[in-house]
Amino acid sequence: MHYDHIPITHRRRLRWPHDKRIALIITVNLETWDLVKDTVSGCAYRVRALREFIRYAQSLPGVWFATREEIASWYLANHAAHIPAAPGARP
């Protein structure tokens, strides 16, 4: 599959549900580590920072908390022409 690069300045405006300004996805990366090394954000004490960030983001008016499936569905249903084809683009 090939996708031509379209500069953001040439794209049409992207809109989210209820005129939210940003779609936010929180994902968890599950990995295993040597428990004696001080390392990815998998340490339990970092949960507090994530919790604080989520609370802060929830306090903002323009944030849409969504799953990747919800974002993909919204985009396909509402923005088929968001990124126009580049001149000479392949179908």
PDB file of N, CA and C in Angstrom:
ATOM      1  N   MET A   1       0.844  -1.173   0.000  1.00  0.00           N
ATOM      2  CA  MET A   1       0.000   0.000   0.000  1.00  0.00           C
ATOM      3  C   MET A   1       0.894   1.243   0.000  1.00  0.00           C
ATOM      4  N   HIS A   2       0.527   2.241  -0.733  1.00  0.00           N
ATOM      5  CA  HIS A   2       1.322   3.453  -0.832  1.00  0.00           C
ATOM      6  C   HIS A   2       0.466   4.660  -0.462  1.00  0.00           C
ATOM      7  N   TYR A   3       1.018   5.529   0.353  1.00  0.00           N
ATOM      8  CA  TYR A   3       0.327   6.751   0.728  1.00  0.00           C
ATOM      9  C   TYR A   3       1.231   7.934   0.398  1.00  0.00           C
ATOM     10  N   ASP A   4       0.730   8.836  -0.416  1.00  0.00           N
ATOM     11  CA  ASP A   4       1.486  10.038  -0.721  1.00  0.00           C
ATOM     12  C   ASP A   4       1.465  10.989   0.479  1.00  0.00           C
ATOM     13  N   HIS A   5       2.568  11.688   0.683  1.00  0.00           N
ATOM     14  CA  HIS A   5       2.639  12.677   1.767  1.00  0.00           C
ATOM     15  C   HIS A   5       1.854  13.921   1.360  1.00  0.00           C
ATOM     16  N   ILE A   6       0.960  14.334   2.227  1.00  0.00           N
ATOM     17  CA  ILE A   6       0.214  15.571   2.024  1.00  0.00           C
ATOM     18  C   ILE A   6       0.547  16.478   3.210  1.00  0.00           C
ATOM     19  N   PRO A   7       1.193  17.622   2.985  1.00  0.00           N
ATOM     20  CA  PRO A   7       1.524  18.506   4.101  1.00  0.00           C
ATOM     21  C   PRO A   7       0.274  18.905   4.876  1.00  0.00           C
ATOM     22  N   ILE A   8       0.419  19.073   6.174  1.00  0.00           N
ATOM     23  CA  ILE A   8      -0.737  19.394   7.019  1.00  0.00           C
ATOM     24  C   ILE A   8      -1.402  20.693   6.572  1.00  0.00           C
ATOM     25  N   THR A   9      -0.634  21.600   5.983  1.00  0.00           N
ATOM     26  CA  THR A   9      -1.203  22.869   5.520  1.00  0.00           C
ATOM     27  C   THR A   9      -2.131  22.681   4.324  1.00  0.00           C
ATOM     28  N   HIS A  10      -2.078  21.515   3.663  1.00  0.00           N
ATOM     29  CA  HIS A  10      -2.941  21.239   2.523  1.00  0.00           C
ATOM     30  C   HIS A  10      -4.137  20.349   2.878  1.00  0.00           C
ATOM     31  N   ARG A  11      -4.207  19.936   4.128  1.00  0.00           N
ATOM     32  CA  ARG A  11      -5.308  19.069   4.554  1.00  0.00           C
ATOM     33  C   ARG A  11      -6.500  19.904   4.987  1.00  0.00           C
ATOM     34  N   ARG A  12      -7.670  19.318   4.854  1.00  0.00           N
ATOM     35  CA  ARG A  12      -8.879  19.980   5.332  1.00  0.00           C
ATOM     36  C   ARG A  12      -8.956  19.860   6.852  1.00  0.00           C
ATOM     37  N   ARG A  13      -9.800  20.660   7.463  1.00  0.00           N
ATOM     38  CA  ARG A  13      -9.906  20.658   8.922  1.00  0.00           C
ATOM     39  C   ARG A  13     -10.477  19.329   9.416  1.00  0.00           C
ATOM     40  N   LEU A  14      -9.834  18.794  10.420  1.00  0.00           N
ATOM     41  CA  LEU A  14     -10.288  17.558  11.049  1.00  0.00           C
ATOM     42  C   LEU A  14     -11.168  17.909  12.242  1.00  0.00           C
ATOM     43  N   ARG A  15     -12.338  17.324  12.309  1.00  0.00           N
ATOM     44  CA  ARG A  15     -13.275  17.597  13.407  1.00  0.00           C
ATOM     45  C   ARG A  15     -13.561  16.307  14.159  1.00  0.00           C
ATOM     46  N   TRP A  16     -13.620  16.432  15.500  1.00  0.00           N
ATOM     47  CA  TRP A  16     -13.955  15.307  16.365  1.00  0.00           C
ATOM     48  C   TRP A  16     -15.382  15.460  16.866  1.00  0.00           C
ATOM     49  N   PRO A  17     -15.966  14.418  17.453  1.00  0.00           N
ATOM     50  CA  PRO A  17     -17.334  14.507  17.959  1.00  0.00           C
ATOM     51  C   PRO A  17     -17.500  15.643  18.969  1.00  0.00           C
ATOM     52  N   HIS A  18     -18.637  16.276  18.927  1.00  0.00           N
ATOM     53  CA  HIS A  18     -18.983  17.364  19.853  1.00  0.00           C
ATOM     54  C   HIS A  18     -17.961  18.499  19.822  1.00  0.00           C
ATOM     55  N   ASP A  19     -17.333  18.694  18.672  1.00  0.00           N
ATOM     56  CA  ASP A  19     -16.321  19.739  18.474  1.00  0.00           C
ATOM     57  C   ASP A  19     -15.172  19.681  19.473  1.00  0.00           C
ATOM     58  N   LYS A  20     -14.811  18.485  19.914  1.00  0.00           N
ATOM     59  CA  LYS A  20     -13.642  18.335  20.783  1.00  0.00           C
ATOM     60  C   LYS A  20     -12.402  18.725  19.999  1.00  0.00           C
ATOM     61  N   ARG A  21     -11.391  19.218  20.689  1.00  0.00           N
ATOM     62  CA  ARG A  21     -10.188  19.704  20.020  1.00  0.00           C
ATOM     63  C   ARG A  21      -9.134  18.627  19.822  1.00  0.00           C
ATOM     64  N   ILE A  22      -9.204  17.567  20.647  1.00  0.00           N
ATOM     65  CA  ILE A  22      -8.188  16.522  20.558  1.00  0.00           C
ATOM     66  C   ILE A  22      -8.802  15.175  20.928  1.00  0.00           C
ATOM     67  N   ALA A  23      -8.353  14.133  20.266  1.00  0.00           N
ATOM     68  CA  ALA A  23      -8.747  12.771  20.623  1.00  0.00           C
ATOM     69  C   ALA A  23      -7.581  12.163  21.390  1.00  0.00           C
ATOM     70  N   LEU A  24      -7.861  11.645  22.573  1.00  0.00           N
ATOM     71  CA  LEU A  24      -6.819  11.107  23.438  1.00  0.00           C
ATOM     72  C   LEU A  24      -7.030   9.618  23.625  1.00  0.00           C
ATOM     73  N   ILE A  25      -5.982   8.860  23.324  1.00  0.00           N
ATOM     74  CA  ILE A  25      -5.991   7.411  23.516  1.00  0.00           C
ATOM     75  C   ILE A  25      -4.947   7.098  24.580  1.00  0.00           C
ATOM     76  N   ILE A  26      -5.332   6.293  25.544  1.00  0.00           N
ATOM     77  CA  ILE A  26      -4.370   5.832  26.540  1.00  0.00           C
ATOM     78  C   ILE A  26      -4.137   4.360  26.267  1.00  0.00           C
ATOM     79  N   THR A  27      -2.898   4.015  26.030  1.00  0.00           N
ATOM     80  CA  THR A  27      -2.561   2.619  25.768  1.00  0.00           C
ATOM     81  C   THR A  27      -1.571   2.134  26.823  1.00  0.00           C
ATOM     82  N   VAL A  28      -1.552   0.853  27.027  1.00  0.00           N
ATOM     83  CA  VAL A  28      -0.647   0.252  27.999  1.00  0.00           C
ATOM     84  C   VAL A  28       0.301  -0.658  27.239  1.00  0.00           C
ATOM     85  N   ASN A  29       1.576  -0.459  27.482  1.00  0.00           N
ATOM     86  CA  ASN A  29       2.595  -1.281  26.863  1.00  0.00           C
ATOM     87  C   ASN A  29       3.055  -2.294  27.912  1.00  0.00           C
ATOM     88  N   LEU A  30       2.782  -3.542  27.703  1.00  0.00           N
ATOM     89  CA  LEU A  30       3.111  -4.579  28.675  1.00  0.00           C
ATOM     90  C   LEU A  30       4.424  -5.238  28.280  1.00  0.00           C
ATOM     91  N   GLU A  31       5.412  -5.095  29.154  1.00  0.00           N
ATOM     92  CA  GLU A  31       6.725  -5.678  28.921  1.00  0.00           C
ATOM     93  C   GLU A  31       7.241  -6.259  30.229  1.00  0.00           C
ATOM     94  N   THR A  32       8.258  -7.066  30.150  1.00  0.00           N
ATOM     95  CA  THR A  32       8.877  -7.590  31.361  1.00  0.00           C
ATOM     96  C   THR A  32      10.265  -6.990  31.505  1.00  0.00           C
ATOM     97  N   TRP A  33      10.657  -6.753  32.764  1.00  0.00           N
ATOM     98  CA  TRP A  33      11.931  -6.104  33.051  1.00  0.00           C
ATOM     99  C   TRP A  33      12.617  -6.788  34.212  1.00  0.00           C
ATOM    100  N   ASP A  34      13.878  -6.546  34.311  1.00  0.00           N
ATOM    101  CA  ASP A  34      14.633  -6.952  35.490  1.00  0.00           C
ATOM    102  C   ASP A  34      14.157  -6.072  36.639  1.00  0.00           C
ATOM    103  N   LEU A  35      13.578  -6.656  37.653  1.00  0.00           N
ATOM    104  CA  LEU A  35      12.944  -5.892  38.721  1.00  0.00           C
ATOM    105  C   LEU A  35      13.917  -5.089  39.574  1.00  0.00           C
ATOM    106  N   VAL A  36      15.197  -5.352  39.465  1.00  0.00           N
ATOM    107  CA  VAL A  36      16.150  -4.581  40.271  1.00  0.00           C
ATOM    108  C   VAL A  36      16.682  -3.356  39.531  1.00  0.00           C
ATOM    109  N   LYS A  37      16.389  -3.244  38.255  1.00  0.00           N
ATOM    110  CA  LYS A  37      16.829  -2.078  37.483  1.00  0.00           C
ATOM    111  C   LYS A  37      15.770  -0.987  37.548  1.00  0.00           C
ATOM    112  N   ASP A  38      16.200   0.267  37.610  1.00  0.00           N
ATOM    113  CA  ASP A  38      15.281   1.404  37.629  1.00  0.00           C
ATOM    114  C   ASP A  38      15.006   1.816  36.190  1.00  0.00           C
ATOM    115  N   THR A  39      13.923   1.235  35.610  1.00  0.00           N
ATOM    116  CA  THR A  39      13.574   1.538  34.238  1.00  0.00           C
ATOM    117  C   THR A  39      12.242   2.206  34.183  1.00  0.00           C
ATOM    118  N   VAL A  40      10.285   1.683  31.398  1.00  0.00           N
ATOM    119  CA  VAL A  40       9.372   2.114  30.412  1.00  0.00           C
ATOM    120  C   VAL A  40       8.292   2.883  30.960  1.00  0.00           C
ATOM    121  N   SER A  41       8.139   3.054  32.271  1.00  0.00           N
ATOM    122  CA  SER A  41       6.914   3.533  32.916  1.00  0.00           C
ATOM    123  C   SER A  41       6.168   2.359  33.505  1.00  0.00           C
ATOM    124  N   GLY A  42       6.773   1.166  33.606  1.00  0.00           N
ATOM    125  CA  GLY A  42       6.148   0.004  34.209  1.00  0.00           C
ATOM    126  C   GLY A  42       6.278  -0.030  35.715  1.00  0.00           C
ATOM    127  N   CYS A  43       7.006   0.917  36.292  1.00  0.00           N
ATOM    128  CA  CYS A  43       7.160   0.950  37.744  1.00  0.00           C
ATOM    129  C   CYS A  43       5.878   1.451  38.401  1.00  0.00           C
ATOM    130  N   ALA A  44       5.537   0.806  39.508  1.00  0.00           N
ATOM    131  CA  ALA A  44       4.268   1.115  40.172  1.00  0.00           C
ATOM    132  C   ALA A  44       4.158   2.579  40.575  1.00  0.00           C
ATOM    133  N   TYR A  45       5.247   3.199  40.964  1.00  0.00           N
ATOM    134  CA  TYR A  45       5.171   4.593  41.408  1.00  0.00           C
ATOM    135  C   TYR A  45       4.808   5.546  40.281  1.00  0.00           C
ATOM    136  N   ARG A  46       4.931   5.115  39.067  1.00  0.00           N
ATOM    137  CA  ARG A  46       4.582   5.983  37.935  1.00  0.00           C
ATOM    138  C   ARG A  46       3.082   6.005  37.665  1.00  0.00           C
ATOM    139  N   VAL A  47       2.357   5.108  38.269  1.00  0.00           N
ATOM    140  CA  VAL A  47       0.908   5.093  38.113  1.00  0.00           C
ATOM    141  C   VAL A  47       0.322   6.405  38.622  1.00  0.00           C
ATOM    142  N   ARG A  48       0.895   6.932  39.706  1.00  0.00           N
ATOM    143  CA  ARG A  48       0.415   8.204  40.255  1.00  0.00           C
ATOM    144  C   ARG A  48       0.494   9.319  39.214  1.00  0.00           C
ATOM    145  N   ALA A  49       1.613   9.398  38.492  1.00  0.00           N
ATOM    146  CA  ALA A  49       1.770  10.438  37.471  1.00  0.00           C
ATOM    147  C   ALA A  49       0.746  10.259  36.361  1.00  0.00           C
ATOM    148  N   LEU A  50       0.502   9.030  35.961  1.00  0.00           N
ATOM    149  CA  LEU A  50      -0.503   8.778  34.925  1.00  0.00           C
ATOM    150  C   LEU A  50      -1.886   9.166  35.423  1.00  0.00           C
ATOM    151  N   ARG A  51      -2.203   8.812  36.644  1.00  0.00           N
ATOM    152  CA  ARG A  51      -3.496   9.162  37.227  1.00  0.00           C
ATOM    153  C   ARG A  51      -3.681  10.675  37.265  1.00  0.00           C
ATOM    154  N   GLU A  52      -2.639  11.399  37.658  1.00  0.00           N
ATOM    155  CA  GLU A  52      -2.717  12.860  37.699  1.00  0.00           C
ATOM    156  C   GLU A  52      -2.913  13.448  36.306  1.00  0.00           C
ATOM    157  N   PHE A  53      -2.225  12.883  35.318  1.00  0.00           N
ATOM    158  CA  PHE A  53      -2.395  13.363  33.952  1.00  0.00           C
ATOM    159  C   PHE A  53      -3.827  13.139  33.464  1.00  0.00           C
ATOM    160  N   ILE A  54      -4.370  11.956  33.731  1.00  0.00           N
ATOM    161  CA  ILE A  54      -5.742  11.652  33.289  1.00  0.00           C
ATOM    162  C   ILE A  54      -6.721  12.616  33.940  1.00  0.00           C
ATOM    163  N   ARG A  55      -6.580  12.855  35.229  1.00  0.00           N
ATOM    164  CA  ARG A  55      -7.478  13.801  35.909  1.00  0.00           C
ATOM    165  C   ARG A  55      -7.366  15.190  35.300  1.00  0.00           C
ATOM    166  N   TYR A  56      -6.134  15.610  35.018  1.00  0.00           N
ATOM    167  CA  TYR A  56      -5.937  16.925  34.408  1.00  0.00           C
ATOM    168  C   TYR A  56      -6.603  16.975  33.030  1.00  0.00           C
ATOM    169  N   ALA A  57      -6.359  15.963  32.213  1.00  0.00           N
ATOM    170  CA  ALA A  57      -6.938  15.943  30.864  1.00  0.00           C
ATOM    171  C   ALA A  57      -8.463  15.915  30.924  1.00  0.00           C
ATOM    172  N   GLN A  58      -9.019  15.216  31.901  1.00  0.00           N
ATOM    173  CA  GLN A  58     -10.472  15.163  32.043  1.00  0.00           C
ATOM    174  C   GLN A  58     -11.052  16.518  32.445  1.00  0.00           C
ATOM    175  N   SER A  59     -10.238  17.372  33.040  1.00  0.00           N
ATOM    176  CA  SER A  59     -10.732  18.688  33.460  1.00  0.00           C
ATOM    177  C   SER A  59     -10.774  19.690  32.301  1.00  0.00           C
ATOM    178  N   LEU A  60     -10.164  19.349  31.195  1.00  0.00           N
ATOM    179  CA  LEU A  60     -10.125  20.246  30.039  1.00  0.00           C
ATOM    180  C   LEU A  60     -11.362  20.040  29.173  1.00  0.00           C
ATOM    181  N   PRO A  61     -11.913  21.117  28.614  1.00  0.00           N
ATOM    182  CA  PRO A  61     -13.172  20.999  27.880  1.00  0.00           C
ATOM    183  C   PRO A  61     -13.067  20.348  26.504  1.00  0.00           C
ATOM    184  N   GLY A  62     -11.919  20.344  25.871  1.00  0.00           N
ATOM    185  CA  GLY A  62     -11.861  19.902  24.484  1.00  0.00           C
ATOM    186  C   GLY A  62     -11.243  18.547  24.253  1.00  0.00           C
ATOM    187  N   VAL A  63     -11.247  17.674  25.258  1.00  0.00           N
ATOM    188  CA  VAL A  63     -10.589  16.378  25.123  1.00  0.00           C
ATOM    189  C   VAL A  63     -11.626  15.274  24.946  1.00  0.00           C
ATOM    190  N   TRP A  64     -11.453  14.478  23.905  1.00  0.00           N
ATOM    191  CA  TRP A  64     -12.306  13.314  23.674  1.00  0.00           C
ATOM    192  C   TRP A  64     -11.494  12.079  24.033  1.00  0.00           C
ATOM    193  N   PHE A  65     -11.866  11.387  25.107  1.00  0.00           N
ATOM    194  CA  PHE A  65     -11.235  10.125  25.462  1.00  0.00           C
ATOM    195  C   PHE A  65     -11.878   9.051  24.602  1.00  0.00           C
ATOM    196  N   ALA A  66     -11.076   8.376  23.822  1.00  0.00           N
ATOM    197  CA  ALA A  66     -11.624   7.421  22.860  1.00  0.00           C
ATOM    198  C   ALA A  66     -10.719   6.210  22.741  1.00  0.00           C
ATOM    199  N   THR A  67     -11.269   5.159  22.193  1.00  0.00           N
ATOM    200  CA  THR A  67     -10.463   3.995  21.834  1.00  0.00           C
ATOM    201  C   THR A  67      -9.986   4.190  20.398  1.00  0.00           C
ATOM    202  N   ARG A  68      -9.015   3.414  20.016  1.00  0.00           N
ATOM    203  CA  ARG A  68      -8.541   3.540  18.625  1.00  0.00           C
ATOM    204  C   ARG A  68      -9.632   3.147  17.648  1.00  0.00           C
ATOM    205  N   GLU A  69     -10.481   2.196  18.042  1.00  0.00           N
ATOM    206  CA  GLU A  69     -11.588   1.790  17.180  1.00  0.00           C
ATOM    207  C   GLU A  69     -12.592   2.924  17.006  1.00  0.00           C
ATOM    208  N   GLU A  70     -12.875   3.661  18.094  1.00  0.00           N
ATOM    209  CA  GLU A  70     -13.806   4.790  18.002  1.00  0.00           C
ATOM    210  C   GLU A  70     -13.254   5.887  17.101  1.00  0.00           C
ATOM    211  N   ILE A  71     -11.966   6.147  17.214  1.00  0.00           N
ATOM    212  CA  ILE A  71     -11.348   7.178  16.369  1.00  0.00           C
ATOM    213  C   ILE A  71     -11.376   6.742  14.905  1.00  0.00           C
ATOM    214  N   ALA A  72     -11.012   5.505  14.641  1.00  0.00           N
ATOM    215  CA  ALA A  72     -11.026   5.012  13.255  1.00  0.00           C
ATOM    216  C   ALA A  72     -12.432   5.053  12.668  1.00  0.00           C
ATOM    217  N   SER A  73     -13.413   4.622  13.438  1.00  0.00           N
ATOM    218  CA  SER A  73     -14.800   4.635  12.953  1.00  0.00           C
ATOM    219  C   SER A  73     -15.278   6.046  12.678  1.00  0.00           C
ATOM    220  N   TRP A  74     -14.982   6.973  13.596  1.00  0.00           N
ATOM    221  CA  TRP A  74     -15.387   8.369  13.417  1.00  0.00           C
ATOM    222  C   TRP A  74     -14.738   8.952  12.167  1.00  0.00           C
ATOM    223  N   TYR A  75     -13.441   8.699  12.016  1.00  0.00           N
ATOM    224  CA  TYR A  75     -12.709   9.233  10.876  1.00  0.00           C
ATOM    225  C   TYR A  75     -13.290   8.698   9.560  1.00  0.00           C
ATOM    226  N   LEU A  76     -13.489   7.414   9.474  1.00  0.00           N
ATOM    227  CA  LEU A  76     -14.013   6.826   8.240  1.00  0.00           C
ATOM    228  C   LEU A  76     -15.416   7.312   7.926  1.00  0.00           C
ATOM    229  N   ALA A  77     -16.233   7.514   8.958  1.00  0.00           N
ATOM    230  CA  ALA A  77     -17.619   7.939   8.745  1.00  0.00           C
ATOM    231  C   ALA A  77     -17.748   9.426   8.449  1.00  0.00           C
ATOM    232  N   ASN A  78     -16.795  10.229   8.897  1.00  0.00           N
ATOM    233  CA  ASN A  78     -16.954  11.686   8.820  1.00  0.00           C
ATOM    234  C   ASN A  78     -15.886  12.440   8.040  1.00  0.00           C
ATOM    235  N   HIS A  79     -14.805  11.752   7.687  1.00  0.00           N
ATOM    236  CA  HIS A  79     -13.707  12.497   7.068  1.00  0.00           C
ATOM    237  C   HIS A  79     -13.091  11.797   5.867  1.00  0.00           C
ATOM    238  N   ALA A  80     -13.894  11.258   5.039  1.00  0.00           N
ATOM    239  CA  ALA A  80     -13.367  10.572   3.863  1.00  0.00           C
ATOM    240  C   ALA A  80     -12.507  11.495   3.003  1.00  0.00           C
ATOM    241  N   ALA A  81     -12.812  12.789   3.012  1.00  0.00           N
ATOM    242  CA  ALA A  81     -12.071  13.740   2.177  1.00  0.00           C
ATOM    243  C   ALA A  81     -11.134  14.634   2.987  1.00  0.00           C
ATOM    244  N   HIS A  82     -10.801  14.244   4.217  1.00  0.00           N
ATOM    245  CA  HIS A  82      -9.919  15.069   5.053  1.00  0.00           C
ATOM    246  C   HIS A  82      -8.567  15.310   4.385  1.00  0.00           C
ATOM    247  N   ILE A  83      -7.996  14.256   3.837  1.00  0.00           N
ATOM    248  CA  ILE A  83      -6.708  14.387   3.162  1.00  0.00           C
ATOM    249  C   ILE A  83      -6.940  14.182   1.670  1.00  0.00           C
ATOM    250  N   PRO A  84      -6.878  15.256   0.909  1.00  0.00           N
ATOM    251  CA  PRO A  84      -7.116  15.122  -0.541  1.00  0.00           C
ATOM    252  C   PRO A  84      -5.985  14.354  -1.210  1.00  0.00           C
ATOM    253  N   ALA A  85      -6.300  13.777  -2.322  1.00  0.00           N
ATOM    254  CA  ALA A  85      -5.280  13.036  -3.074  1.00  0.00           C
ATOM    255  C   ALA A  85      -4.240  14.001  -3.617  1.00  0.00           C
ATOM    256  N   ALA A  86      -2.997  13.583  -3.581  1.00  0.00           N
ATOM    257  CA  ALA A  86      -1.925  14.415  -4.133  1.00  0.00           C
ATOM    258  C   ALA A  86      -2.000  14.342  -5.656  1.00  0.00           C
ATOM    259  N   PRO A  87      -1.554  15.388  -6.325  1.00  0.00           N
ATOM    260  CA  PRO A  87      -1.523  15.333  -7.785  1.00  0.00           C
ATOM    261  C   PRO A  87      -0.709  14.130  -8.245  1.00  0.00           C
ATOM    262  N   GLY A  88      -1.250  13.341  -9.107  1.00  0.00           N
ATOM    263  CA  GLY A  88      -0.547  12.170  -9.621  1.00  0.00           C
ATOM    264  C   GLY A  88      -0.563  10.981  -8.683  1.00  0.00           C
ATOM    265  N   ALA A  89      -1.407  11.034  -7.643  1.00  0.00           N
ATOM    266  CA  ALA A  89      -1.456   9.952  -6.659  1.00  0.00           C
ATOM    267  C   ALA A  89      -2.008   8.689  -7.285  1.00  0.00           C
ATOM    268  N   ARG A  90      -1.519   7.566  -6.790  1.00  0.00           N
ATOM    269  CA  ARG A  90      -2.028   6.281  -7.253  1.00  0.00           C
ATOM    270  C   ARG A  90      -3.304   5.935  -6.484  1.00  0.00           C
ATOM    271  N   PRO A  91      -4.280   5.310  -7.109  1.00  0.00           N
ATOM    272  CA  PRO A  91      -5.515   4.944  -6.406  1.00  0.00           C
ATOM    273  C   PRO A  91      -5.274   3.855  -5.382  1.00  0.00           C
TER     274      PRO A  91
END
